Amino acid sequence: MGDSKQRRRPQKYPVELRERAVRMVFEVREQTGEKHGVITRVARELGVGTESLRNWVHQAEVDSGRRAGTSSVDGERIAALEKENRELRRANDILKAASVFFATELDGRPKK
């Protein structure tokens, strides 16, 4: 098993660090007017992954209405509804199988 083919385990950052990093990006953008390179600079300062910070900033922009997309609240609601939908489909399949079983049992015809 080669180390080069192993995937890195995603690192979990504390919520406070995420919020602080996003806030810093917005503040630097506001103060300097720069749009490019800010995320990389802030990520290096805080020791977080650049792409992680970029994703956090993107999601914060969506949540605040600055950018189009699915907000965090809507995403959580969609995930919950999809889970409920899967559970209901499974329950339906079980009920259908049970009804077929009992219908053949009560049919009265001899089994082949």
PDB file of N, CA and C in Angstrom:
ATOM      1  N   MET A   1       0.854  -1.185   0.000  1.00  0.00           N
ATOM      2  CA  MET A   1       0.000   0.000   0.000  1.00  0.00           C
ATOM      3  C   MET A   1       0.889   1.233   0.000  1.00  0.00           C
ATOM      4  N   GLY A   2       0.826   2.028  -1.051  1.00  0.00           N
ATOM      5  CA  GLY A   2       1.667   3.207  -1.170  1.00  0.00           C
ATOM      6  C   GLY A   2       1.086   4.404  -0.457  1.00  0.00           C
ATOM      7  N   ASP A   3       1.963   5.180   0.152  1.00  0.00           N
ATOM      8  CA  ASP A   3       1.501   6.377   0.855  1.00  0.00           C
ATOM      9  C   ASP A   3       0.974   7.434  -0.105  1.00  0.00           C
ATOM     10  N   SER A   4       1.475   7.431  -1.343  1.00  0.00           N
ATOM     11  CA  SER A   4       1.056   8.464  -2.292  1.00  0.00           C
ATOM     12  C   SER A   4      -0.403   8.297  -2.712  1.00  0.00           C
ATOM     13  N   LYS A   5      -0.926   7.066  -2.608  1.00  0.00           N
ATOM     14  CA  LYS A   5      -2.309   6.824  -3.023  1.00  0.00           C
ATOM     15  C   LYS A   5      -3.299   6.967  -1.881  1.00  0.00           C
ATOM     16  N   GLN A   6      -2.795   7.067  -0.645  1.00  0.00           N
ATOM     17  CA  GLN A   6      -3.696   7.246   0.484  1.00  0.00           C
ATOM     18  C   GLN A   6      -4.251   8.655   0.479  1.00  0.00           C
ATOM     19  N   ARG A   7      -5.520   8.754   0.772  1.00  0.00           N
ATOM     20  CA  ARG A   7      -6.151  10.074   0.859  1.00  0.00           C
ATOM     21  C   ARG A   7      -5.933  10.633   2.248  1.00  0.00           C
ATOM     22  N   ARG A   8      -5.740  11.933   2.298  1.00  0.00           N
ATOM     23  CA  ARG A   8      -5.595  12.582   3.593  1.00  0.00           C
ATOM     24  C   ARG A   8      -6.934  12.642   4.286  1.00  0.00           C
ATOM     25  N   ARG A   9      -6.921  12.433   5.586  1.00  0.00           N
ATOM     26  CA  ARG A   9      -8.136  12.517   6.371  1.00  0.00           C
ATOM     27  C   ARG A   9      -8.516  13.988   6.516  1.00  0.00           C
ATOM     28  N   PRO A  10      -9.762  14.327   6.227  1.00  0.00           N
ATOM     29  CA  PRO A  10     -10.157  15.733   6.342  1.00  0.00           C
ATOM     30  C   PRO A  10      -9.964  16.229   7.776  1.00  0.00           C
ATOM     31  N   GLN A  11      -9.422  17.420   7.881  1.00  0.00           N
ATOM     32  CA  GLN A  11      -9.166  17.998   9.189  1.00  0.00           C
ATOM     33  C   GLN A  11     -10.362  18.826   9.623  1.00  0.00           C
ATOM     34  N   LYS A  12     -10.819  18.601  10.830  1.00  0.00           N
ATOM     35  CA  LYS A  12     -11.940  19.364  11.360  1.00  0.00           C
ATOM     36  C   LYS A  12     -11.403  20.597  12.073  1.00  0.00           C
ATOM     37  N   TYR A  13     -11.890  21.742  11.670  1.00  0.00           N
ATOM     38  CA  TYR A  13     -11.498  22.987  12.315  1.00  0.00           C
ATOM     39  C   TYR A  13     -12.613  23.435  13.256  1.00  0.00           C
ATOM     40  N   PRO A  14     -12.253  24.015  14.390  1.00  0.00           N
ATOM     41  CA  PRO A  14     -13.290  24.510  15.304  1.00  0.00           C
ATOM     42  C   PRO A  14     -14.141  25.597  14.647  1.00  0.00           C
ATOM     43  N   VAL A  15     -15.393  25.665  15.047  1.00  0.00           N
ATOM     44  CA  VAL A  15     -16.334  26.637  14.479  1.00  0.00           C
ATOM     45  C   VAL A  15     -15.828  28.061  14.694  1.00  0.00           C
ATOM     46  N   GLU A  16     -15.234  28.324  15.861  1.00  0.00           N
ATOM     47  CA  GLU A  16     -14.729  29.674  16.164  1.00  0.00           C
ATOM     48  C   GLU A  16     -13.645  30.081  15.168  1.00  0.00           C
ATOM     49  N   LEU A  17     -12.763  29.122  14.829  1.00  0.00           N
ATOM     50  CA  LEU A  17     -11.698  29.410  13.875  1.00  0.00           C
ATOM     51  C   LEU A  17     -12.279  29.683  12.495  1.00  0.00           C
ATOM     52  N   ARG A  18     -13.261  28.913  12.099  1.00  0.00           N
ATOM     53  CA  ARG A  18     -13.904  29.121  10.796  1.00  0.00           C
ATOM     54  C   ARG A  18     -14.518  30.520  10.719  1.00  0.00           C
ATOM     55  N   GLU A  19     -15.287  30.867  11.753  1.00  0.00           N
ATOM     56  CA  GLU A  19     -15.952  32.174  11.766  1.00  0.00           C
ATOM     57  C   GLU A  19     -14.929  33.310  11.752  1.00  0.00           C
ATOM     58  N   ARG A  20     -13.870  33.159  12.539  1.00  0.00           N
ATOM     59  CA  ARG A  20     -12.824  34.189  12.599  1.00  0.00           C
ATOM     60  C   ARG A  20     -12.135  34.338  11.245  1.00  0.00           C
ATOM     61  N   ALA A  21     -11.831  33.221  10.592  1.00  0.00           N
ATOM     62  CA  ALA A  21     -11.156  33.262   9.297  1.00  0.00           C
ATOM     63  C   ALA A  21     -12.023  33.955   8.245  1.00  0.00           C
ATOM     64  N   VAL A  22     -13.306  33.605   8.211  1.00  0.00           N
ATOM     65  CA  VAL A  22     -14.227  34.217   7.243  1.00  0.00           C
ATOM     66  C   VAL A  22     -14.346  35.715   7.513  1.00  0.00           C
ATOM     67  N   ARG A  23     -14.467  36.064   8.785  1.00  0.00           N
ATOM     68  CA  ARG A  23     -14.566  37.480   9.166  1.00  0.00           C
ATOM     69  C   ARG A  23     -13.311  38.240   8.742  1.00  0.00           C
ATOM     70  N   MET A  24     -12.133  37.612   8.925  1.00  0.00           N
ATOM     71  CA  MET A  24     -10.884  38.257   8.524  1.00  0.00           C
ATOM     72  C   MET A  24     -10.840  38.494   7.012  1.00  0.00           C
ATOM     73  N   VAL A  25     -11.285  37.525   6.237  1.00  0.00           N
ATOM     74  CA  VAL A  25     -11.299  37.681   4.770  1.00  0.00           C
ATOM     75  C   VAL A  25     -12.187  38.852   4.386  1.00  0.00           C
ATOM     76  N   PHE A  26     -13.384  38.914   4.961  1.00  0.00           N
ATOM     77  CA  PHE A  26     -14.298  40.016   4.639  1.00  0.00           C
ATOM     78  C   PHE A  26     -13.705  41.365   5.056  1.00  0.00           C
ATOM     79  N   GLU A  27     -13.056  41.422   6.222  1.00  0.00           N
ATOM     80  CA  GLU A  27     -12.461  42.673   6.698  1.00  0.00           C
ATOM     81  C   GLU A  27     -11.316  43.124   5.811  1.00  0.00           C
ATOM     82  N   VAL A  28     -10.447  42.184   5.425  1.00  0.00           N
ATOM     83  CA  VAL A  28      -9.316  42.543   4.559  1.00  0.00           C
ATOM     84  C   VAL A  28      -9.823  43.006   3.201  1.00  0.00           C
ATOM     85  N   ARG A  29     -10.812  42.336   2.668  1.00  0.00           N
ATOM     86  CA  ARG A  29     -11.384  42.749   1.385  1.00  0.00           C
ATOM     87  C   ARG A  29     -11.972  44.155   1.479  1.00  0.00           C
ATOM     88  N   GLU A  30     -12.648  44.432   2.583  1.00  0.00           N
ATOM     89  CA  GLU A  30     -13.270  45.746   2.769  1.00  0.00           C
ATOM     90  C   GLU A  30     -12.219  46.844   2.943  1.00  0.00           C
ATOM     91  N   GLN A  31     -11.186  46.564   3.717  1.00  0.00           N
ATOM     92  CA  GLN A  31     -10.160  47.564   4.002  1.00  0.00           C
ATOM     93  C   GLN A  31      -9.276  47.852   2.798  1.00  0.00           C
ATOM     94  N   THR A  32      -8.875  46.802   2.085  1.00  0.00           N
ATOM     95  CA  THR A  32      -7.923  46.979   0.988  1.00  0.00           C
ATOM     96  C   THR A  32      -8.587  47.090  -0.373  1.00  0.00           C
ATOM     97  N   GLY A  33      -9.799  46.574  -0.491  1.00  0.00           N
ATOM     98  CA  GLY A  33     -10.469  46.577  -1.786  1.00  0.00           C
ATOM     99  C   GLY A  33      -9.976  45.452  -2.692  1.00  0.00           C
ATOM    100  N   GLU A  34      -9.049  44.647  -2.206  1.00  0.00           N
ATOM    101  CA  GLU A  34      -8.521  43.527  -2.993  1.00  0.00           C
ATOM    102  C   GLU A  34      -9.517  42.375  -2.992  1.00  0.00           C
ATOM    103  N   LYS A  35      -9.555  41.653  -4.083  1.00  0.00           N
ATOM    104  CA  LYS A  35     -10.399  40.468  -4.175  1.00  0.00           C
ATOM    105  C   LYS A  35      -9.539  39.206  -4.334  1.00  0.00           C
ATOM    106  N   HIS A  36      -8.400  39.338  -4.979  1.00  0.00           N
ATOM    107  CA  HIS A  36      -7.558  38.187  -5.283  1.00  0.00           C
ATOM    108  C   HIS A  36      -6.419  38.073  -4.273  1.00  0.00           C
ATOM    109  N   GLY A  37      -6.160  36.846  -3.823  1.00  0.00           N
ATOM    110  CA  GLY A  37      -5.055  36.587  -2.926  1.00  0.00           C
ATOM    111  C   GLY A  37      -5.369  36.741  -1.453  1.00  0.00           C
ATOM    112  N   VAL A  38      -6.513  37.293  -1.136  1.00  0.00           N
ATOM    113  CA  VAL A  38      -6.861  37.533   0.269  1.00  0.00           C
ATOM    114  C   VAL A  38      -7.061  36.213   1.001  1.00  0.00           C
ATOM    115  N   ILE A  39      -7.770  35.301   0.393  1.00  0.00           N
ATOM    116  CA  ILE A  39      -8.054  34.014   1.039  1.00  0.00           C
ATOM    117  C   ILE A  39      -6.756  33.253   1.302  1.00  0.00           C
ATOM    118  N   THR A  40      -5.863  33.233   0.328  1.00  0.00           N
ATOM    119  CA  THR A  40      -4.586  32.537   0.503  1.00  0.00           C
ATOM    120  C   THR A  40      -3.780  33.148   1.632  1.00  0.00           C
ATOM    121  N   ARG A  41      -3.743  34.469   1.681  1.00  0.00           N
ATOM    122  CA  ARG A  41      -2.981  35.169   2.714  1.00  0.00           C
ATOM    123  C   ARG A  41      -3.530  34.884   4.110  1.00  0.00           C
ATOM    124  N   VAL A  42      -4.839  34.974   4.263  1.00  0.00           N
ATOM    125  CA  VAL A  42      -5.471  34.726   5.559  1.00  0.00           C
ATOM    126  C   VAL A  42      -5.299  33.255   5.952  1.00  0.00           C
ATOM    127  N   ALA A  43      -5.426  32.342   4.992  1.00  0.00           N
ATOM    128  CA  ALA A  43      -5.266  30.915   5.277  1.00  0.00           C
ATOM    129  C   ALA A  43      -3.866  30.621   5.804  1.00  0.00           C
ATOM    130  N   ARG A  44      -2.860  31.223   5.193  1.00  0.00           N
ATOM    131  CA  ARG A  44      -1.479  31.034   5.670  1.00  0.00           C
ATOM    132  C   ARG A  44      -1.297  31.591   7.070  1.00  0.00           C
ATOM    133  N   GLU A  45      -1.859  32.763   7.330  1.00  0.00           N
ATOM    134  CA  GLU A  45      -1.729  33.387   8.652  1.00  0.00           C
ATOM    135  C   GLU A  45      -2.326  32.502   9.738  1.00  0.00           C
ATOM    136  N   LEU A  46      -3.465  31.880   9.440  1.00  0.00           N
ATOM    137  CA  LEU A  46      -4.169  31.089  10.449  1.00  0.00           C
ATOM    138  C   LEU A  46      -3.803  29.610  10.431  1.00  0.00           C
ATOM    139  N   GLY A  47      -3.058  29.193   9.425  1.00  0.00           N
ATOM    140  CA  GLY A  47      -2.654  27.794   9.339  1.00  0.00           C
ATOM    141  C   GLY A  47      -3.777  26.849   8.954  1.00  0.00           C
ATOM    142  N   VAL A  48      -4.681  27.326   8.104  1.00  0.00           N
ATOM    143  CA  VAL A  48      -5.770  26.465   7.612  1.00  0.00           C
ATOM    144  C   VAL A  48      -5.584  26.248   6.114  1.00  0.00           C
ATOM    145  N   GLY A  49      -6.267  25.257   5.588  1.00  0.00           N
ATOM    146  CA  GLY A  49      -6.189  24.977   4.161  1.00  0.00           C
ATOM    147  C   GLY A  49      -6.849  26.074   3.338  1.00  0.00           C
ATOM    148  N   THR A  50      -6.200  26.427   2.244  1.00  0.00           N
ATOM    149  CA  THR A  50      -6.721  27.488   1.387  1.00  0.00           C
ATOM    150  C   THR A  50      -8.093  27.133   0.825  1.00  0.00           C
ATOM    151  N   GLU A  51      -8.231  25.913   0.337  1.00  0.00           N
ATOM    152  CA  GLU A  51      -9.514  25.509  -0.251  1.00  0.00           C
ATOM    153  C   GLU A  51     -10.606  25.412   0.810  1.00  0.00           C
ATOM    154  N   SER A  52     -10.228  25.011   2.022  1.00  0.00           N
ATOM    155  CA  SER A  52     -11.215  24.977   3.107  1.00  0.00           C
ATOM    156  C   SER A  52     -11.747  26.378   3.361  1.00  0.00           C
ATOM    157  N   LEU A  53     -10.831  27.333   3.473  1.00  0.00           N
ATOM    158  CA  LEU A  53     -11.242  28.717   3.722  1.00  0.00           C
ATOM    159  C   LEU A  53     -12.053  29.263   2.556  1.00  0.00           C
ATOM    160  N   ARG A  54     -11.652  28.927   1.345  1.00  0.00           N
ATOM    161  CA  ARG A  54     -12.406  29.382   0.168  1.00  0.00           C
ATOM    162  C   ARG A  54     -13.851  28.859   0.220  1.00  0.00           C
ATOM    163  N   ASN A  55     -14.012  27.593   0.616  1.00  0.00           N
ATOM    164  CA  ASN A  55     -15.361  27.018   0.737  1.00  0.00           C
ATOM    165  C   ASN A  55     -16.164  27.693   1.841  1.00  0.00           C
ATOM    166  N   TRP A  56     -15.520  27.982   2.965  1.00  0.00           N
ATOM    167  CA  TRP A  56     -16.208  28.652   4.072  1.00  0.00           C
ATOM    168  C   TRP A  56     -16.683  30.039   3.654  1.00  0.00           C
ATOM    169  N   VAL A  57     -15.809  30.773   2.949  1.00  0.00           N
ATOM    170  CA  VAL A  57     -16.159  32.127   2.497  1.00  0.00           C
ATOM    171  C   VAL A  57     -17.310  32.051   1.502  1.00  0.00           C
ATOM    172  N   HIS A  58     -17.218  31.106   0.581  1.00  0.00           N
ATOM    173  CA  HIS A  58     -18.288  30.937  -0.417  1.00  0.00           C
ATOM    174  C   HIS A  58     -19.621  30.670   0.281  1.00  0.00           C
ATOM    175  N   GLN A  59     -19.626  29.749   1.255  1.00  0.00           N
ATOM    176  CA  GLN A  59     -20.863  29.421   1.963  1.00  0.00           C
ATOM    177  C   GLN A  59     -21.365  30.607   2.772  1.00  0.00           C
ATOM    178  N   ALA A  60     -20.462  31.376   3.366  1.00  0.00           N
ATOM    179  CA  ALA A  60     -20.866  32.561   4.131  1.00  0.00           C
ATOM    180  C   ALA A  60     -21.506  33.597   3.206  1.00  0.00           C
ATOM    181  N   GLU A  61     -20.978  33.729   1.992  1.00  0.00           N
ATOM    182  CA  GLU A  61     -21.564  34.656   1.023  1.00  0.00           C
ATOM    183  C   GLU A  61     -22.955  34.197   0.598  1.00  0.00           C
ATOM    184  N   VAL A  62     -23.136  32.901   0.428  1.00  0.00           N
ATOM    185  CA  VAL A  62     -24.455  32.364   0.068  1.00  0.00           C
ATOM    186  C   VAL A  62     -25.428  32.593   1.220  1.00  0.00           C
ATOM    187  N   ASP A  63     -24.988  32.271   2.443  1.00  0.00           N
ATOM    188  CA  ASP A  63     -25.860  32.415   3.609  1.00  0.00           C
ATOM    189  C   ASP A  63     -26.277  33.860   3.847  1.00  0.00           C
ATOM    190  N   SER A  64     -25.392  34.808   3.519  1.00  0.00           N
ATOM    191  CA  SER A  64     -25.710  36.216   3.748  1.00  0.00           C
ATOM    192  C   SER A  64     -26.460  36.843   2.575  1.00  0.00           C
ATOM    193  N   GLY A  65     -26.613  36.104   1.482  1.00  0.00           N
ATOM    194  CA  GLY A  65     -27.346  36.621   0.328  1.00  0.00           C
ATOM    195  C   GLY A  65     -26.480  37.372  -0.665  1.00  0.00           C
ATOM    196  N   ARG A  66     -25.174  37.387  -0.457  1.00  0.00           N
ATOM    197  CA  ARG A  66     -24.266  38.071  -1.396  1.00  0.00           C
ATOM    198  C   ARG A  66     -24.045  37.262  -2.667  1.00  0.00           C
ATOM    199  N   ARG A  67     -24.303  35.975  -2.596  1.00  0.00           N
ATOM    200  CA  ARG A  67     -24.040  35.086  -3.725  1.00  0.00           C
ATOM    201  C   ARG A  67     -25.198  34.102  -3.830  1.00  0.00           C
ATOM    202  N   ALA A  68     -25.518  33.696  -5.047  1.00  0.00           N
ATOM    203  CA  ALA A  68     -26.600  32.734  -5.266  1.00  0.00           C
ATOM    204  C   ALA A  68     -26.142  31.337  -4.876  1.00  0.00           C
ATOM    205  N   GLY A  69     -27.068  30.537  -4.389  1.00  0.00           N
ATOM    206  CA  GLY A  69     -26.753  29.163  -4.022  1.00  0.00           C
ATOM    207  C   GLY A  69     -27.680  28.671  -2.932  1.00  0.00           C
ATOM    208  N   THR A  70     -27.440  27.453  -2.484  1.00  0.00           N
ATOM    209  CA  THR A  70     -28.241  26.847  -1.432  1.00  0.00           C
ATOM    210  C   THR A  70     -27.635  27.193  -0.086  1.00  0.00           C
ATOM    211  N   SER A  71     -28.423  27.844   0.755  1.00  0.00           N
ATOM    212  CA  SER A  71     -27.919  28.243   2.072  1.00  0.00           C
ATOM    213  C   SER A  71     -27.733  27.020   2.953  1.00  0.00           C
ATOM    214  N   SER A  72     -27.000  27.192   4.033  1.00  0.00           N
ATOM    215  CA  SER A  72     -26.742  26.092   4.971  1.00  0.00           C
ATOM    216  C   SER A  72     -28.035  25.542   5.556  1.00  0.00           C
ATOM    217  N   VAL A  73     -28.935  26.436   5.914  1.00  0.00           N
ATOM    218  CA  VAL A  73     -30.219  26.012   6.499  1.00  0.00           C
ATOM    219  C   VAL A  73     -31.012  25.201   5.483  1.00  0.00           C
ATOM    220  N   ASP A  74     -31.074  25.689   4.250  1.00  0.00           N
ATOM    221  CA  ASP A  74     -31.804  24.966   3.207  1.00  0.00           C
ATOM    222  C   ASP A  74     -31.147  23.626   2.916  1.00  0.00           C
ATOM    223  N   GLY A  75     -29.824  23.579   2.912  1.00  0.00           N
ATOM    224  CA  GLY A  75     -29.102  22.329   2.664  1.00  0.00           C
ATOM    225  C   GLY A  75     -29.401  21.287   3.724  1.00  0.00           C
ATOM    226  N   GLU A  76     -29.432  21.725   4.989  1.00  0.00           N
ATOM    227  CA  GLU A  76     -29.757  20.806   6.075  1.00  0.00           C
ATOM    228  C   GLU A  76     -31.193  20.305   5.945  1.00  0.00           C
ATOM    229  N   ARG A  77     -32.104  21.196   5.587  1.00  0.00           N
ATOM    230  CA  ARG A  77     -33.520  20.820   5.419  1.00  0.00           C
ATOM    231  C   ARG A  77     -33.676  19.827   4.265  1.00  0.00           C
ATOM    232  N   ILE A  78     -32.987  20.060   3.166  1.00  0.00           N
ATOM    233  CA  ILE A  78     -33.042  19.150   2.015  1.00  0.00           C
ATOM    234  C   ILE A  78     -32.514  17.774   2.405  1.00  0.00           C
ATOM    235  N   ALA A  79     -31.405  17.746   3.134  1.00  0.00           N
ATOM    236  CA  ALA A  79     -30.827  16.466   3.565  1.00  0.00           C
ATOM    237  C   ALA A  79     -31.797  15.710   4.468  1.00  0.00           C
ATOM    238  N   ALA A  80     -32.459  16.425   5.380  1.00  0.00           N
ATOM    239  CA  ALA A  80     -33.420  15.781   6.279  1.00  0.00           C
ATOM    240  C   ALA A  80     -34.604  15.230   5.491  1.00  0.00           C
ATOM    241  N   LEU A  81     -35.093  15.991   4.517  1.00  0.00           N
ATOM    242  CA  LEU A  81     -36.223  15.532   3.707  1.00  0.00           C
ATOM    243  C   LEU A  81     -35.837  14.328   2.852  1.00  0.00           C
ATOM    244  N   GLU A  82     -34.615  14.324   2.314  1.00  0.00           N
ATOM    245  CA  GLU A  82     -34.166  13.182   1.520  1.00  0.00           C
ATOM    246  C   GLU A  82     -34.062  11.930   2.385  1.00  0.00           C
ATOM    247  N   LYS A  83     -33.585  12.076   3.619  1.00  0.00           N
ATOM    248  CA  LYS A  83     -33.494  10.942   4.532  1.00  0.00           C
ATOM    249  C   LYS A  83     -34.893  10.407   4.848  1.00  0.00           C
ATOM    250  N   GLU A  84     -35.814  11.314   5.135  1.00  0.00           N
ATOM    251  CA  GLU A  84     -37.190  10.908   5.431  1.00  0.00           C
ATOM    252  C   GLU A  84     -37.810  10.198   4.230  1.00  0.00           C
ATOM    253  N   ASN A  85     -37.534  10.713   3.031  1.00  0.00           N
ATOM    254  CA  ASN A  85     -38.046  10.116   1.804  1.00  0.00           C
ATOM    255  C   ASN A  85     -37.525   8.686   1.631  1.00  0.00           C
ATOM    256  N   ARG A  86     -36.213   8.478   1.877  1.00  0.00           N
ATOM    257  CA  ARG A  86     -35.641   7.131   1.789  1.00  0.00           C
ATOM    258  C   ARG A  86     -36.312   6.179   2.773  1.00  0.00           C
ATOM    259  N   GLU A  87     -36.509   6.650   4.003  1.00  0.00           N
ATOM    260  CA  GLU A  87     -37.139   5.813   5.029  1.00  0.00           C
ATOM    261  C   GLU A  87     -38.574   5.453   4.646  1.00  0.00           C
ATOM    262  N   LEU A  88     -39.313   6.411   4.107  1.00  0.00           N
ATOM    263  CA  LEU A  88     -40.700   6.151   3.705  1.00  0.00           C
ATOM    264  C   LEU A  88     -40.763   5.187   2.530  1.00  0.00           C
ATOM    265  N   ARG A  89     -39.846   5.319   1.583  1.00  0.00           N
ATOM    266  CA  ARG A  89     -39.808   4.383   0.446  1.00  0.00           C
ATOM    267  C   ARG A  89     -39.516   2.961   0.938  1.00  0.00           C
ATOM    268  N   ARG A  90     -38.584   2.848   1.884  1.00  0.00           N
ATOM    269  CA  ARG A  90     -38.248   1.536   2.441  1.00  0.00           C
ATOM    270  C   ARG A  90     -39.461   0.937   3.151  1.00  0.00           C
ATOM    271  N   ALA A  91     -40.142   1.738   3.941  1.00  0.00           N
ATOM    272  CA  ALA A  91     -41.332   1.255   4.641  1.00  0.00           C
ATOM    273  C   ALA A  91     -42.407   0.829   3.641  1.00  0.00           C
ATOM    274  N   ASN A  92     -42.564   1.591   2.570  1.00  0.00           N
ATOM    275  CA  ASN A  92     -43.535   1.249   1.515  1.00  0.00           C
ATOM    276  C   ASN A  92     -43.190  -0.094   0.884  1.00  0.00           C
ATOM    277  N   ASP A  93     -41.899  -0.304   0.590  1.00  0.00           N
ATOM    278  CA  ASP A  93     -41.474  -1.569  -0.019  1.00  0.00           C
ATOM    279  C   ASP A  93     -41.774  -2.742   0.906  1.00  0.00           C
ATOM    280  N   ILE A  94     -41.543  -2.556   2.199  1.00  0.00           N
ATOM    281  CA  ILE A  94     -41.830  -3.613   3.174  1.00  0.00           C
ATOM    282  C   ILE A  94     -43.329  -3.907   3.209  1.00  0.00           C
ATOM    283  N   LEU A  95     -44.152  -2.859   3.215  1.00  0.00           N
ATOM    284  CA  LEU A  95     -45.606  -3.046   3.248  1.00  0.00           C
ATOM    285  C   LEU A  95     -46.113  -3.722   1.974  1.00  0.00           C
ATOM    286  N   LYS A  96     -45.553  -3.365   0.824  1.00  0.00           N
ATOM    287  CA  LYS A  96     -45.950  -4.010  -0.434  1.00  0.00           C
ATOM    288  C   LYS A  96     -45.616  -5.496  -0.401  1.00  0.00           C
ATOM    289  N   ALA A  97     -44.401  -5.817   0.071  1.00  0.00           N
ATOM    290  CA  ALA A  97     -43.997  -7.222   0.140  1.00  0.00           C
ATOM    291  C   ALA A  97     -44.891  -7.993   1.102  1.00  0.00           C
ATOM    292  N   ALA A  98     -45.246  -7.382   2.218  1.00  0.00           N
ATOM    293  CA  ALA A  98     -46.119  -8.040   3.193  1.00  0.00           C
ATOM    294  C   ALA A  98     -47.510  -8.259   2.601  1.00  0.00           C
ATOM    295  N   SER A  99     -48.016  -7.282   1.876  1.00  0.00           N
ATOM    296  CA  SER A  99     -49.356  -7.435   1.296  1.00  0.00           C
ATOM    297  C   SER A  99     -49.364  -8.539   0.243  1.00  0.00           C
ATOM    298  N   VAL A 100     -48.313  -8.662  -0.537  1.00  0.00           N
ATOM    299  CA  VAL A 100     -48.232  -9.745  -1.527  1.00  0.00           C
ATOM    300  C   VAL A 100     -48.179 -11.092  -0.811  1.00  0.00           C
ATOM    301  N   PHE A 101     -47.379 -11.163   0.241  1.00  0.00           N
ATOM    302  CA  PHE A 101     -47.270 -12.412   0.999  1.00  0.00           C
ATOM    303  C   PHE A 101     -48.622 -12.839   1.558  1.00  0.00           C
ATOM    304  N   PHE A 102     -49.317 -11.918   2.223  1.00  0.00           N
ATOM    305  CA  PHE A 102     -50.591 -12.270   2.843  1.00  0.00           C
ATOM    306  C   PHE A 102     -51.674 -12.516   1.804  1.00  0.00           C
ATOM    307  N   ALA A 103     -51.624 -11.835   0.691  1.00  0.00           N
ATOM    308  CA  ALA A 103     -52.606 -12.071  -0.368  1.00  0.00           C
ATOM    309  C   ALA A 103     -52.467 -13.480  -0.920  1.00  0.00           C
ATOM    310  N   THR A 104     -51.231 -13.956  -1.088  1.00  0.00           N
ATOM    311  CA  THR A 104     -51.041 -15.319  -1.594  1.00  0.00           C
ATOM    312  C   THR A 104     -51.419 -16.344  -0.531  1.00  0.00           C
ATOM    313  N   GLU A 105     -51.217 -16.045   0.735  1.00  0.00           N
ATOM    314  CA  GLU A 105     -51.590 -16.956   1.826  1.00  0.00           C
ATOM    315  C   GLU A 105     -53.122 -17.102   1.921  1.00  0.00           C
ATOM    316  N   LEU A 106     -53.827 -16.031   1.723  1.00  0.00           N
ATOM    317  CA  LEU A 106     -55.291 -16.037   1.868  1.00  0.00           C
ATOM    318  C   LEU A 106     -56.020 -16.399   0.591  1.00  0.00           C
ATOM    319  N   ASP A 107     -55.282 -16.580  -0.494  1.00  0.00           N
ATOM    320  CA  ASP A 107     -55.875 -16.827  -1.793  1.00  0.00           C
ATOM    321  C   ASP A 107     -56.662 -18.127  -1.817  1.00  0.00           C
ATOM    322  N   GLY A 108     -56.192 -19.145  -1.131  1.00  0.00           N
ATOM    323  CA  GLY A 108     -56.903 -20.408  -1.081  1.00  0.00           C
ATOM    324  C   GLY A 108     -56.526 -21.390  -2.173  1.00  0.00           C
ATOM    325  N   ARG A 109     -55.857 -20.946  -3.188  1.00  0.00           N
ATOM    326  CA  ARG A 109     -55.424 -21.856  -4.253  1.00  0.00           C
ATOM    327  C   ARG A 109     -54.232 -22.683  -3.774  1.00  0.00           C
ATOM    328  N   PRO A 110     -54.153 -23.898  -4.241  1.00  0.00           N
ATOM    329  CA  PRO A 110     -53.004 -24.728  -3.835  1.00  0.00           C
ATOM    330  C   PRO A 110     -51.702 -24.159  -4.406  1.00  0.00           C
ATOM    331  N   LYS A 111     -50.661 -24.277  -3.634  1.00  0.00           N
ATOM    332  CA  LYS A 111     -49.354 -23.786  -4.077  1.00  0.00           C
ATOM    333  C   LYS A 111     -48.738 -24.744  -5.059  1.00  0.00           C
ATOM    334  N   LYS A 112     -47.994 -24.255  -5.994  1.00  0.00           N
ATOM    335  CA  LYS A 112     -47.361 -25.087  -7.014  1.00  0.00           C
ATOM    336  C   LYS A 112     -46.063 -25.667  -6.539  1.00  0.00           C
TER     337      LYS A 112
END
